[in-house]
Every structure is written in structure tokens, then in C-alpha cells.
Amino acid sequence: MAEIIQKDGTWIFDGDTLRLTPGRDKNVSLLRKELGELLVPLAALAGISFEQGKKSGRLRLRLRDGADPLLHATAGRLAEPHDPYQLTVESDRYGVAEYFVDEVRNALLLDQVPSGPVDAYLLPGPSVPLSVSAGDGVAGFDGERVRLEWKWQAEDAKSAGGPRTLPLSDIVAVEWQPTVGLENGHLRFTVRAAPTKAPPKYDPNAVELWGFKRDPLMALVAAAVQARLPHPSAPAAPDDAPPAGDAPAPAPAAPAEDDHDALLRRLRELGELHRSGVLTDEEFGQAKQAVLKRM
């Protein structure tokens, strides 16, 4: 087992999985703290590197394309401080970091893990339910539907329509864009049979972001929704296919063994988070029910 403990966080590798835990230092970003501990299977990795600096270095994980819904939803726009796959290393731990890199690289070679893209998510995405307040609205997701509520700063075109509830079956795409310079960011949902070209400021299916501290947390909502949409490598539905809501319900199929195992692991993770005090009783109960529904 390889382990490196820093103010920025702790990374542990047991030969099969990397456990990435954000630190409690004040400089650790709010997004990483809210995202919490990540369990990254070796099969999701494309590589690992360590960059030395005069005062500090940086460990970086490179995931295979399509392995993580968070990386897909943010499309490379996640700023470095918010990236959960980077770890700041103090200069007196450079030797430990190099050993950590060697252990992971050796495991990748021994297991002959390919570095190419995958056709299914290998990480589950952020836990649900979750709710984020930022910009001109509040976005919540319970695993089955998105709810958008508007703050008093929202334009009348949005607030006049009241809160929006978007069933997951109606959502065909999600986009998160951070604020860059004078350009405001947004969290936008593309809804089946109701596309819009309105700016996020007026789009009832979008939350406009203004560059404040909590803006990056909207990426968690985007990732949680993305994790439950068809994988980008999945074949597209025929143009003449009926909308999901109109199609006859398919006969329930037995879950695949690997999906079942992943859900069991998720239940164990939730139990650990509950016992450690990260999740309240209510949050644990809601999250547990969401997982059990998927089983």
C-alpha cells in the first residue's frame, strides 16, 4: 500500500483503488470539500505524474476519457484549485510522492490497464440528493428530477414562471460553464422537445452564475445528472424513436453483477460517511433510498 498525507489532502493506493480524501486546510476549495472522498478504480486511470517545484510540487492523476461524469460535465473547464485529481505536495515529501507514482504506474503495467477511452462511467458521480444555491437560482437533484428555484435577483422572465421541475427522462444534456472574465457562467439543461437559444439570464432551464465562491458547486449538480444520462459513447437513439416518456415501458431486467456490486460499495461508502458524521441522519436516509431504488 502507498500513502501520502498532506495539508491539501490524503491519497492512498491499495493496489486496486485510489482513495482521494480532501484536506481540511482553509486553502482546500469548497468544491473538493463538498465532493468528499473519491474512490477511483485502477481501471479508470490513464496515468499519473508528479511535478516538482521550488516550494511545493503537484501530483496529477489522468483519467481515461469517459470514466468520470464530473470531468465530462465540466469539459476541462474546472479550475486547478477545484480539480480533485490534483494534490499539492510539500517539498519534504517529494520522495514519498515519487514512490507513490511508481507504485501506481507499476500496477497499471501489471494489470495492463489501457489508457484509451471507456464506454461506461467507472465513477458514480456526486452523491444525491444535493442542492446548490448560486447565481440567480437554486438547483436541486434527487436522482430522478431536477428542481430549479429562482432568487429575487433572477429576471422576471424566469421568476414569473415559478420553480421548474425537470424529470430526468426529459433531460438530454447538461452543460456547466464557469465565469470567465466578463462572461457570466451557467448551469444549463437541454430539455427534450423544448430546446432554447435564450441566454442563461432568461432561460428557465438554466441558472446564471456570476463568479462567486459557490459557483463551482453547480458543477456537482451537473455531474450528478450527467452520471445518470446515457454515456457519451452510447449509440444515439434513432431520429424517429418516440420520446422516452411515450415509449412503452420495457420489461424489468435483472441488474448486471458489476452494477449490483457498485451499488453495494456505494451503500458501504454512505455508511462510512454517516458514521464519521459527514452525512446527517436525514441525508443518509435519503441517499440510501436513492441507491436502493437503483437496485
C-alpha atoms as a PDB file:
ATOM      1  CA  MET A   1       0.000   0.000   0.000  1.00  0.00           C
ATOM      2  CA  ALA A   2       1.202   3.523  -0.809  1.00  0.00           C
ATOM      3  CA  GLU A   3       0.067   6.590   1.114  1.00  0.00           C
ATOM      4  CA  ILE A   4       0.800  10.305   1.067  1.00  0.00           C
ATOM      5  CA  ILE A   5      -0.672  12.690   3.654  1.00  0.00           C
ATOM      6  CA  GLN A   6      -0.615  16.440   3.045  1.00  0.00           C
ATOM      7  CA  LYS A   7      -2.498  19.543   4.173  1.00  0.00           C
ATOM      8  CA  ASP A   8      -4.142  19.546   0.755  1.00  0.00           C
ATOM      9  CA  GLY A   9      -5.414  16.002   1.212  1.00  0.00           C
ATOM     10  CA  THR A  10      -4.552  12.323   1.583  1.00  0.00           C
ATOM     11  CA  TRP A  11      -4.099   9.811  -1.227  1.00  0.00           C
ATOM     12  CA  ILE A  12      -3.996   6.069  -0.519  1.00  0.00           C
ATOM     13  CA  PHE A  13      -3.440   3.312  -3.063  1.00  0.00           C
ATOM     14  CA  ASP A  14      -4.094  -0.320  -2.125  1.00  0.00           C
ATOM     15  CA  GLY A  15      -3.215  -1.891  -5.469  1.00  0.00           C
ATOM     16  CA  ASP A  16      -6.751  -1.796  -6.869  1.00  0.00           C
ATOM     17  CA  THR A  17      -8.229   1.547  -5.839  1.00  0.00           C
ATOM     18  CA  LEU A  18      -7.044   5.066  -5.108  1.00  0.00           C
ATOM     19  CA  ARG A  19      -8.768   6.725  -2.163  1.00  0.00           C
ATOM     20  CA  LEU A  20      -8.612  10.512  -2.528  1.00  0.00           C
ATOM     21  CA  THR A  21      -9.598  12.469   0.579  1.00  0.00           C
ATOM     22  CA  PRO A  22      -9.565  16.289   0.538  1.00  0.00           C
ATOM     23  CA  GLY A  23      -7.696  18.026   3.354  1.00  0.00           C
ATOM     24  CA  ARG A  24      -9.262  20.303   5.940  1.00  0.00           C
ATOM     25  CA  ASP A  25      -6.853  23.150   5.310  1.00  0.00           C
ATOM     26  CA  LYS A  26      -8.513  26.522   4.699  1.00  0.00           C
ATOM     27  CA  ASN A  27      -6.975  26.634   1.226  1.00  0.00           C
ATOM     28  CA  VAL A  28      -8.777  23.481   0.073  1.00  0.00           C
ATOM     29  CA  SER A  29     -11.570  24.514  -2.292  1.00  0.00           C
ATOM     30  CA  LEU A  30     -15.222  24.328  -1.297  1.00  0.00           C
ATOM     31  CA  LEU A  31     -15.977  22.081  -4.276  1.00  0.00           C
ATOM     32  CA  ARG A  32     -13.421  19.472  -3.220  1.00  0.00           C
ATOM     33  CA  LYS A  33     -14.710  19.548   0.357  1.00  0.00           C
ATOM     34  CA  GLU A  34     -18.324  19.113  -0.768  1.00  0.00           C
ATOM     35  CA  LEU A  35     -17.388  16.362  -3.224  1.00  0.00           C
ATOM     36  CA  GLY A  36     -15.722  14.489  -0.372  1.00  0.00           C
ATOM     37  CA  GLU A  37     -13.733  11.291  -0.607  1.00  0.00           C
ATOM     38  CA  LEU A  38     -13.378   9.685  -4.027  1.00  0.00           C
ATOM     39  CA  LEU A  39     -12.707   6.017  -4.731  1.00  0.00           C
ATOM     40  CA  VAL A  40     -11.012   5.747  -8.117  1.00  0.00           C
ATOM     41  CA  PRO A  41     -10.627   2.216  -9.527  1.00  0.00           C
ATOM     42  CA  LEU A  42      -7.308   1.463 -11.182  1.00  0.00           C
ATOM     43  CA  ALA A  43      -9.185   0.688 -14.399  1.00  0.00           C
ATOM     44  CA  ALA A  44     -10.265   4.351 -14.615  1.00  0.00           C
ATOM     45  CA  LEU A  45      -6.679   5.647 -14.747  1.00  0.00           C
ATOM     46  CA  ALA A  46      -4.790   6.614 -17.880  1.00  0.00           C
ATOM     47  CA  GLY A  47      -1.698   7.793 -15.996  1.00  0.00           C
ATOM     48  CA  ILE A  48      -0.142   9.621 -13.048  1.00  0.00           C
ATOM     49  CA  SER A  49       2.602  12.242 -12.838  1.00  0.00           C
ATOM     50  CA  PHE A  50       4.489  14.303 -10.278  1.00  0.00           C
ATOM     51  CA  GLU A  51       5.781  17.811 -10.961  1.00  0.00           C
ATOM     52  CA  GLN A  52       8.377  19.303  -8.615  1.00  0.00           C
ATOM     53  CA  GLY A  53       8.612  22.987  -7.743  1.00  0.00           C
ATOM     54  CA  LYS A  54      10.896  25.029  -5.511  1.00  0.00           C
ATOM     55  CA  LYS A  55       8.432  25.264  -2.621  1.00  0.00           C
ATOM     56  CA  SER A  56       5.864  22.619  -3.500  1.00  0.00           C
ATOM     57  CA  GLY A  57       5.059  20.005  -6.100  1.00  0.00           C
ATOM     58  CA  ARG A  58       1.916  18.554  -7.577  1.00  0.00           C
ATOM     59  CA  LEU A  59       0.637  15.026  -8.061  1.00  0.00           C
ATOM     60  CA  ARG A  60      -1.736  14.665 -11.002  1.00  0.00           C
ATOM     61  CA  LEU A  61      -3.981  11.811 -12.000  1.00  0.00           C
ATOM     62  CA  ARG A  62      -5.082  11.492 -15.614  1.00  0.00           C
ATOM     63  CA  LEU A  63      -8.337   9.604 -16.008  1.00  0.00           C
ATOM     64  CA  ARG A  64      -9.432   7.757 -19.102  1.00  0.00           C
ATOM     65  CA  ASP A  65     -11.853   9.712 -21.281  1.00  0.00           C
ATOM     66  CA  GLY A  66     -15.432   8.976 -20.288  1.00  0.00           C
ATOM     67  CA  ALA A  67     -14.570   7.416 -16.929  1.00  0.00           C
ATOM     68  CA  ASP A  68     -15.795  10.244 -14.690  1.00  0.00           C
ATOM     69  CA  PRO A  69     -19.086  12.155 -15.132  1.00  0.00           C
ATOM     70  CA  LEU A  70     -17.621  15.166 -13.293  1.00  0.00           C
ATOM     71  CA  LEU A  71     -14.810  15.547 -15.810  1.00  0.00           C
ATOM     72  CA  HIS A  72     -17.235  15.054 -18.684  1.00  0.00           C
ATOM     73  CA  ALA A  73     -19.711  17.618 -17.332  1.00  0.00           C
ATOM     74  CA  THR A  74     -17.010  20.236 -16.753  1.00  0.00           C
ATOM     75  CA  ALA A  75     -15.268  19.529 -20.092  1.00  0.00           C
ATOM     76  CA  GLY A  76     -11.826  20.675 -18.964  1.00  0.00           C
ATOM     77  CA  ARG A  77     -13.164  23.965 -17.573  1.00  0.00           C
ATOM     78  CA  LEU A  78     -12.639  23.071 -13.905  1.00  0.00           C
ATOM     79  CA  ALA A  79     -10.019  25.445 -12.477  1.00  0.00           C
ATOM     80  CA  GLU A  80      -6.906  23.857 -10.956  1.00  0.00           C
ATOM     81  CA  PRO A  81      -7.794  24.550  -7.280  1.00  0.00           C
ATOM     82  CA  HIS A  82     -11.086  22.676  -7.734  1.00  0.00           C
ATOM     83  CA  ASP A  83      -9.629  19.651  -9.518  1.00  0.00           C
ATOM     84  CA  PRO A  84      -9.981  16.625  -7.179  1.00  0.00           C
ATOM     85  CA  TYR A  85      -7.360  14.719  -9.189  1.00  0.00           C
ATOM     86  CA  GLN A  86      -4.502  17.017  -8.190  1.00  0.00           C
ATOM     87  CA  LEU A  87      -2.677  17.117  -4.862  1.00  0.00           C
ATOM     88  CA  THR A  88      -0.255  19.787  -3.649  1.00  0.00           C
ATOM     89  CA  VAL A  89       2.864  18.150  -2.168  1.00  0.00           C
ATOM     90  CA  GLU A  90       5.206  19.875   0.263  1.00  0.00           C
ATOM     91  CA  SER A  91       8.900  19.799  -0.658  1.00  0.00           C
ATOM     92  CA  ASP A  92       9.878  17.482   2.210  1.00  0.00           C
ATOM     93  CA  ARG A  93       7.536  14.803   0.812  1.00  0.00           C
ATOM     94  CA  TYR A  94       8.894  14.676  -2.721  1.00  0.00           C
ATOM     95  CA  GLY A  95      10.398  11.233  -2.120  1.00  0.00           C
ATOM     96  CA  VAL A  96       7.051   9.896  -0.894  1.00  0.00           C
ATOM     97  CA  ALA A  97       5.290  11.357  -3.934  1.00  0.00           C
ATOM     98  CA  GLU A  98       7.757   9.707  -6.317  1.00  0.00           C
ATOM     99  CA  TYR A  99       7.287   6.366  -4.566  1.00  0.00           C
ATOM    100  CA  PHE A 100       3.510   6.790  -4.838  1.00  0.00           C
ATOM    101  CA  VAL A 101       3.789   7.435  -8.587  1.00  0.00           C
ATOM    102  CA  ASP A 102       5.996   4.354  -9.059  1.00  0.00           C
ATOM    103  CA  GLU A 103       3.512   2.124  -7.200  1.00  0.00           C
ATOM    104  CA  VAL A 104       0.561   3.285  -9.298  1.00  0.00           C
ATOM    105  CA  ARG A 105       2.492   3.042 -12.581  1.00  0.00           C
ATOM    106  CA  ASN A 106       3.682  -0.466 -11.740  1.00  0.00           C
ATOM    107  CA  ALA A 107       0.109  -1.529 -11.014  1.00  0.00           C
ATOM    108  CA  LEU A 108      -1.076  -0.073 -14.328  1.00  0.00           C
ATOM    109  CA  LEU A 109       1.612  -2.051 -16.135  1.00  0.00           C
ATOM    110  CA  LEU A 110       0.983  -5.299 -14.263  1.00  0.00           C
ATOM    111  CA  ASP A 111      -2.773  -5.102 -14.813  1.00  0.00           C
ATOM    112  CA  GLN A 112      -2.241  -3.957 -18.415  1.00  0.00           C
ATOM    113  CA  VAL A 113      -4.790  -1.182 -17.984  1.00  0.00           C
ATOM    114  CA  PRO A 114      -5.374   0.534 -21.344  1.00  0.00           C
ATOM    115  CA  SER A 115      -5.190   4.332 -21.452  1.00  0.00           C
ATOM    116  CA  GLY A 116      -7.885   4.769 -24.092  1.00  0.00           C
ATOM    117  CA  PRO A 117     -11.480   5.946 -23.594  1.00  0.00           C
ATOM    118  CA  VAL A 118     -14.161   3.863 -21.903  1.00  0.00           C
ATOM    119  CA  ASP A 119     -17.786   3.338 -22.904  1.00  0.00           C
ATOM    120  CA  ALA A 120     -19.273   3.466 -19.394  1.00  0.00           C
ATOM    121  CA  TYR A 121     -18.720   5.619 -16.327  1.00  0.00           C
ATOM    122  CA  LEU A 122     -16.330   3.999 -13.849  1.00  0.00           C
ATOM    123  CA  LEU A 123     -17.091   6.507 -11.087  1.00  0.00           C
ATOM    124  CA  PRO A 124     -20.599   7.094  -9.722  1.00  0.00           C
ATOM    125  CA  GLY A 125     -20.544  10.895  -9.677  1.00  0.00           C
ATOM    126  CA  PRO A 126     -21.540  13.098  -6.710  1.00  0.00           C
ATOM    127  CA  SER A 127     -23.943  11.685  -4.147  1.00  0.00           C
ATOM    128  CA  VAL A 128     -27.601  12.634  -4.300  1.00  0.00           C
ATOM    129  CA  PRO A 129     -29.766  14.247  -3.136  1.00  0.00           C
ATOM    130  CA  LEU A 130     -27.946  17.553  -3.365  1.00  0.00           C
ATOM    131  CA  SER A 131     -28.910  21.193  -3.610  1.00  0.00           C
ATOM    132  CA  VAL A 132     -26.766  24.189  -4.535  1.00  0.00           C
ATOM    133  CA  SER A 133     -27.591  27.889  -4.245  1.00  0.00           C
ATOM    134  CA  ALA A 134     -25.542  30.160  -6.502  1.00  0.00           C
ATOM    135  CA  GLY A 135     -26.050  32.903  -9.051  1.00  0.00           C
ATOM    136  CA  ASP A 136     -29.722  33.636  -9.729  1.00  0.00           C
ATOM    137  CA  GLY A 137     -31.135  30.334  -8.550  1.00  0.00           C
ATOM    138  CA  VAL A 138     -31.085  27.125  -6.531  1.00  0.00           C
ATOM    139  CA  ALA A 139     -30.587  23.800  -8.317  1.00  0.00           C
ATOM    140  CA  GLY A 140     -31.506  20.542  -6.608  1.00  0.00           C
ATOM    141  CA  PHE A 141     -31.342  16.946  -7.824  1.00  0.00           C
ATOM    142  CA  ASP A 142     -32.672  13.836  -6.101  1.00  0.00           C
ATOM    143  CA  GLY A 143     -31.577  11.270  -8.663  1.00  0.00           C
ATOM    144  CA  GLU A 144     -34.855  11.374 -10.602  1.00  0.00           C
ATOM    145  CA  ARG A 145     -35.665  15.025 -11.178  1.00  0.00           C
ATOM    146  CA  VAL A 146     -34.036  18.447 -11.214  1.00  0.00           C
ATOM    147  CA  ARG A 147     -35.726  21.332  -9.436  1.00  0.00           C
ATOM    148  CA  LEU A 148     -34.832  24.945 -10.218  1.00  0.00           C
ATOM    149  CA  GLU A 149     -35.958  27.757  -7.923  1.00  0.00           C
ATOM    150  CA  TRP A 150     -35.299  31.436  -8.516  1.00  0.00           C
ATOM    151  CA  LYS A 151     -33.801  34.079  -6.243  1.00  0.00           C
ATOM    152  CA  TRP A 152     -35.029  37.645  -6.147  1.00  0.00           C
ATOM    153  CA  GLN A 153     -32.137  38.650  -8.438  1.00  0.00           C
ATOM    154  CA  ALA A 154     -33.473  36.485 -11.287  1.00  0.00           C
ATOM    155  CA  GLU A 155     -35.013  38.145 -14.333  1.00  0.00           C
ATOM    156  CA  ASP A 156     -38.794  38.430 -14.435  1.00  0.00           C
ATOM    157  CA  ALA A 157     -38.846  36.092 -17.439  1.00  0.00           C
ATOM    158  CA  LYS A 158     -37.700  33.320 -15.093  1.00  0.00           C
ATOM    159  CA  SER A 159     -39.285  34.190 -11.771  1.00  0.00           C
ATOM    160  CA  ALA A 160     -42.726  34.754 -13.321  1.00  0.00           C
ATOM    161  CA  GLY A 161     -42.847  31.095 -14.298  1.00  0.00           C
ATOM    162  CA  GLY A 162     -42.119  29.934 -10.758  1.00  0.00           C
ATOM    163  CA  PRO A 163     -39.987  26.906  -9.809  1.00  0.00           C
ATOM    164  CA  ARG A 164     -39.154  24.386 -12.540  1.00  0.00           C
ATOM    165  CA  THR A 165     -39.187  20.601 -12.160  1.00  0.00           C
ATOM    166  CA  LEU A 166     -37.391  18.664 -14.888  1.00  0.00           C
ATOM    167  CA  PRO A 167     -37.767  14.868 -14.866  1.00  0.00           C
ATOM    168  CA  LEU A 168     -34.512  13.119 -15.702  1.00  0.00           C
ATOM    169  CA  SER A 169     -36.272  11.399 -18.630  1.00  0.00           C
ATOM    170  CA  ASP A 170     -36.829  14.836 -20.238  1.00  0.00           C
ATOM    171  CA  ILE A 171     -33.187  15.947 -19.967  1.00  0.00           C
ATOM    172  CA  VAL A 172     -30.973  15.157 -22.943  1.00  0.00           C
ATOM    173  CA  ALA A 173     -27.869  17.169 -21.990  1.00  0.00           C
ATOM    174  CA  VAL A 174     -26.374  19.259 -19.200  1.00  0.00           C
ATOM    175  CA  GLU A 175     -23.770  21.993 -19.503  1.00  0.00           C
ATOM    176  CA  TRP A 176     -21.722  23.757 -16.848  1.00  0.00           C
ATOM    177  CA  GLN A 177     -19.730  26.848 -17.751  1.00  0.00           C
ATOM    178  CA  PRO A 178     -17.683  28.842 -15.205  1.00  0.00           C
ATOM    179  CA  THR A 179     -17.472  32.616 -15.189  1.00  0.00           C
ATOM    180  CA  VAL A 180     -14.531  33.779 -17.314  1.00  0.00           C
ATOM    181  CA  GLY A 181     -13.558  37.439 -17.299  1.00  0.00           C
ATOM    182  CA  LEU A 182     -16.682  39.491 -18.014  1.00  0.00           C
ATOM    183  CA  GLU A 183     -18.556  36.423 -19.294  1.00  0.00           C
ATOM    184  CA  ASN A 184     -21.005  35.020 -16.756  1.00  0.00           C
ATOM    185  CA  GLY A 185     -21.138  31.276 -16.260  1.00  0.00           C
ATOM    186  CA  HIS A 186     -24.159  28.986 -16.152  1.00  0.00           C
ATOM    187  CA  LEU A 187     -25.647  25.596 -15.448  1.00  0.00           C
ATOM    188  CA  ARG A 188     -27.992  24.731 -18.319  1.00  0.00           C
ATOM    189  CA  PHE A 189     -30.222  21.741 -19.025  1.00  0.00           C
ATOM    190  CA  THR A 190     -31.265  20.859 -22.562  1.00  0.00           C
ATOM    191  CA  VAL A 191     -34.793  19.508 -22.364  1.00  0.00           C
ATOM    192  CA  ARG A 192     -36.344  17.062 -24.812  1.00  0.00           C
ATOM    193  CA  ALA A 193     -38.664  18.708 -27.370  1.00  0.00           C
ATOM    194  CA  ALA A 194     -38.111  22.151 -25.794  1.00  0.00           C
ATOM    195  CA  PRO A 195     -34.740  23.497 -26.972  1.00  0.00           C
ATOM    196  CA  THR A 196     -33.974  27.140 -26.350  1.00  0.00           C
ATOM    197  CA  LYS A 197     -31.363  29.573 -27.608  1.00  0.00           C
ATOM    198  CA  ALA A 198     -32.118  32.182 -24.960  1.00  0.00           C
ATOM    199  CA  PRO A 199     -29.145  33.420 -22.912  1.00  0.00           C
ATOM    200  CA  PRO A 200     -28.917  31.742 -19.481  1.00  0.00           C
ATOM    201  CA  LYS A 201     -30.085  35.009 -17.933  1.00  0.00           C
ATOM    202  CA  TYR A 202     -33.532  34.427 -19.474  1.00  0.00           C
ATOM    203  CA  ASP A 203     -33.543  30.651 -19.997  1.00  0.00           C
ATOM    204  CA  PRO A 204     -35.929  28.964 -17.493  1.00  0.00           C
ATOM    205  CA  ASN A 205     -33.845  25.787 -17.770  1.00  0.00           C
ATOM    206  CA  ALA A 206     -30.577  27.493 -16.786  1.00  0.00           C
ATOM    207  CA  VAL A 207     -29.030  29.071 -13.698  1.00  0.00           C
ATOM    208  CA  GLU A 208     -26.832  32.066 -14.450  1.00  0.00           C
ATOM    209  CA  LEU A 209     -23.579  32.263 -12.439  1.00  0.00           C
ATOM    210  CA  TRP A 210     -21.749  35.465 -11.571  1.00  0.00           C
ATOM    211  CA  GLY A 211     -18.328  34.314 -10.424  1.00  0.00           C
ATOM    212  CA  PHE A 212     -18.849  33.998  -6.681  1.00  0.00           C
ATOM    213  CA  LYS A 213     -17.386  31.406  -4.301  1.00  0.00           C
ATOM    214  CA  ARG A 214     -20.214  28.876  -4.537  1.00  0.00           C
ATOM    215  CA  ASP A 215     -20.427  28.888  -8.346  1.00  0.00           C
ATOM    216  CA  PRO A 216     -18.177  25.810  -8.801  1.00  0.00           C
ATOM    217  CA  LEU A 217     -20.593  23.757  -6.670  1.00  0.00           C
ATOM    218  CA  MET A 218     -23.064  23.862  -9.563  1.00  0.00           C
ATOM    219  CA  ALA A 219     -20.611  21.533 -11.321  1.00  0.00           C
ATOM    220  CA  LEU A 220     -21.611  18.875  -8.761  1.00  0.00           C
ATOM    221  CA  VAL A 221     -25.251  19.113  -9.863  1.00  0.00           C
ATOM    222  CA  ALA A 222     -24.149  18.892 -13.496  1.00  0.00           C
ATOM    223  CA  ALA A 223     -22.032  15.812 -12.759  1.00  0.00           C
ATOM    224  CA  ALA A 224     -24.743  14.062 -10.737  1.00  0.00           C
ATOM    225  CA  VAL A 225     -27.194  14.490 -13.617  1.00  0.00           C
ATOM    226  CA  GLN A 226     -24.578  13.530 -16.223  1.00  0.00           C
ATOM    227  CA  ALA A 227     -23.863  10.282 -14.358  1.00  0.00           C
ATOM    228  CA  ARG A 228     -27.485   9.232 -14.919  1.00  0.00           C
ATOM    229  CA  LEU A 229     -27.736  10.247 -18.572  1.00  0.00           C
ATOM    230  CA  PRO A 230     -26.660   7.890 -21.367  1.00  0.00           C
ATOM    231  CA  HIS A 231     -22.877   7.665 -21.607  1.00  0.00           C
ATOM    232  CA  PRO A 232     -21.465   9.840 -24.430  1.00  0.00           C
ATOM    233  CA  SER A 233     -20.164   6.683 -26.122  1.00  0.00           C
ATOM    234  CA  ALA A 234     -23.594   5.051 -26.116  1.00  0.00           C
ATOM    235  CA  PRO A 235     -25.245   4.773 -29.562  1.00  0.00           C
ATOM    236  CA  ALA A 236     -27.636   7.597 -30.320  1.00  0.00           C
ATOM    237  CA  ALA A 237     -31.343   6.826 -30.449  1.00  0.00           C
ATOM    238  CA  PRO A 238     -32.890   6.852 -33.963  1.00  0.00           C
ATOM    239  CA  ASP A 239     -34.388  10.182 -35.016  1.00  0.00           C
ATOM    240  CA  ASP A 240     -37.827   8.614 -35.345  1.00  0.00           C
ATOM    241  CA  ALA A 241     -37.708   6.995 -31.911  1.00  0.00           C
ATOM    242  CA  PRO A 242     -40.528   8.176 -29.622  1.00  0.00           C
ATOM    243  CA  PRO A 243     -39.636  10.302 -26.587  1.00  0.00           C
ATOM    244  CA  ALA A 244     -38.757   8.342 -23.507  1.00  0.00           C
ATOM    245  CA  GLY A 245     -41.990   9.374 -21.824  1.00  0.00           C
ATOM    246  CA  ASP A 246     -44.108   7.983 -24.718  1.00  0.00           C
ATOM    247  CA  ALA A 247     -42.238   4.730 -25.258  1.00  0.00           C
ATOM    248  CA  PRO A 248     -43.705   1.517 -23.813  1.00  0.00           C
ATOM    249  CA  ALA A 249     -42.071   0.546 -20.579  1.00  0.00           C
ATOM    250  CA  PRO A 250     -39.547  -2.260 -21.107  1.00  0.00           C
ATOM    251  CA  ALA A 251     -39.731  -5.385 -19.017  1.00  0.00           C
ATOM    252  CA  PRO A 252     -37.575  -5.007 -15.918  1.00  0.00           C
ATOM    253  CA  ALA A 253     -34.195  -6.649 -16.374  1.00  0.00           C
ATOM    254  CA  ALA A 254     -32.032  -8.160 -13.706  1.00  0.00           C
ATOM    255  CA  PRO A 255     -29.187  -5.762 -12.835  1.00  0.00           C
ATOM    256  CA  ALA A 256     -25.755  -6.676 -14.105  1.00  0.00           C
ATOM    257  CA  GLU A 257     -23.496  -8.169 -11.482  1.00  0.00           C
ATOM    258  CA  ASP A 258     -20.953  -5.376 -11.716  1.00  0.00           C
ATOM    259  CA  ASP A 259     -23.716  -2.724 -11.366  1.00  0.00           C
ATOM    260  CA  HIS A 260     -25.020  -4.537  -8.291  1.00  0.00           C
ATOM    261  CA  ASP A 261     -21.549  -4.674  -6.755  1.00  0.00           C
ATOM    262  CA  ALA A 262     -21.041  -0.967  -7.428  1.00  0.00           C
ATOM    263  CA  LEU A 263     -24.308  -0.141  -5.654  1.00  0.00           C
ATOM    264  CA  LEU A 264     -23.317  -2.291  -2.675  1.00  0.00           C
ATOM    265  CA  ARG A 265     -19.993  -0.450  -2.497  1.00  0.00           C
ATOM    266  CA  ARG A 266     -21.894   2.841  -2.606  1.00  0.00           C
ATOM    267  CA  LEU A 267     -24.045   1.762   0.332  1.00  0.00           C
ATOM    268  CA  ARG A 268     -20.902   0.915   2.309  1.00  0.00           C
ATOM    269  CA  GLU A 269     -19.402   4.326   1.470  1.00  0.00           C
ATOM    270  CA  LEU A 270     -22.589   6.064   2.614  1.00  0.00           C
ATOM    271  CA  GLY A 271     -22.473   4.099   5.862  1.00  0.00           C
ATOM    272  CA  GLU A 272     -18.888   5.212   6.471  1.00  0.00           C
ATOM    273  CA  LEU A 273     -19.775   8.845   5.759  1.00  0.00           C
ATOM    274  CA  HIS A 274     -22.752   8.603   8.132  1.00  0.00           C
ATOM    275  CA  ARG A 275     -20.705   7.053  10.929  1.00  0.00           C
ATOM    276  CA  SER A 276     -17.990   9.687  10.535  1.00  0.00           C
ATOM    277  CA  GLY A 277     -20.530  12.489  10.807  1.00  0.00           C
ATOM    278  CA  VAL A 278     -20.188  13.772   7.229  1.00  0.00           C
ATOM    279  CA  LEU A 279     -23.838  12.861   6.481  1.00  0.00           C
ATOM    280  CA  THR A 280     -26.712  13.674   8.839  1.00  0.00           C
ATOM    281  CA  ASP A 281     -29.347  11.034   9.618  1.00  0.00           C
ATOM    282  CA  GLU A 282     -31.732  12.653   7.139  1.00  0.00           C
ATOM    283  CA  GLU A 283     -29.114  12.966   4.368  1.00  0.00           C
ATOM    284  CA  PHE A 284     -28.036   9.354   4.897  1.00  0.00           C
ATOM    285  CA  GLY A 285     -31.619   8.098   4.763  1.00  0.00           C
ATOM    286  CA  GLN A 286     -32.364   9.979   1.533  1.00  0.00           C
ATOM    287  CA  ALA A 287     -29.119   8.894  -0.141  1.00  0.00           C
ATOM    288  CA  LYS A 288     -29.639   5.290   0.941  1.00  0.00           C
ATOM    289  CA  GLN A 289     -33.158   5.231  -0.505  1.00  0.00           C
ATOM    290  CA  ALA A 290     -31.875   6.640  -3.813  1.00  0.00           C
ATOM    291  CA  VAL A 291     -29.326   3.802  -4.052  1.00  0.00           C
ATOM    292  CA  LEU A 292     -31.831   1.140  -3.062  1.00  0.00           C
ATOM    293  CA  LYS A 293     -34.203   2.316  -5.811  1.00  0.00           C
ATOM    294  CA  ARG A 294     -31.468   1.734  -8.380  1.00  0.00           C
ATOM    295  CA  MET A 295     -31.009  -1.837  -7.082  1.00  0.00           C
END
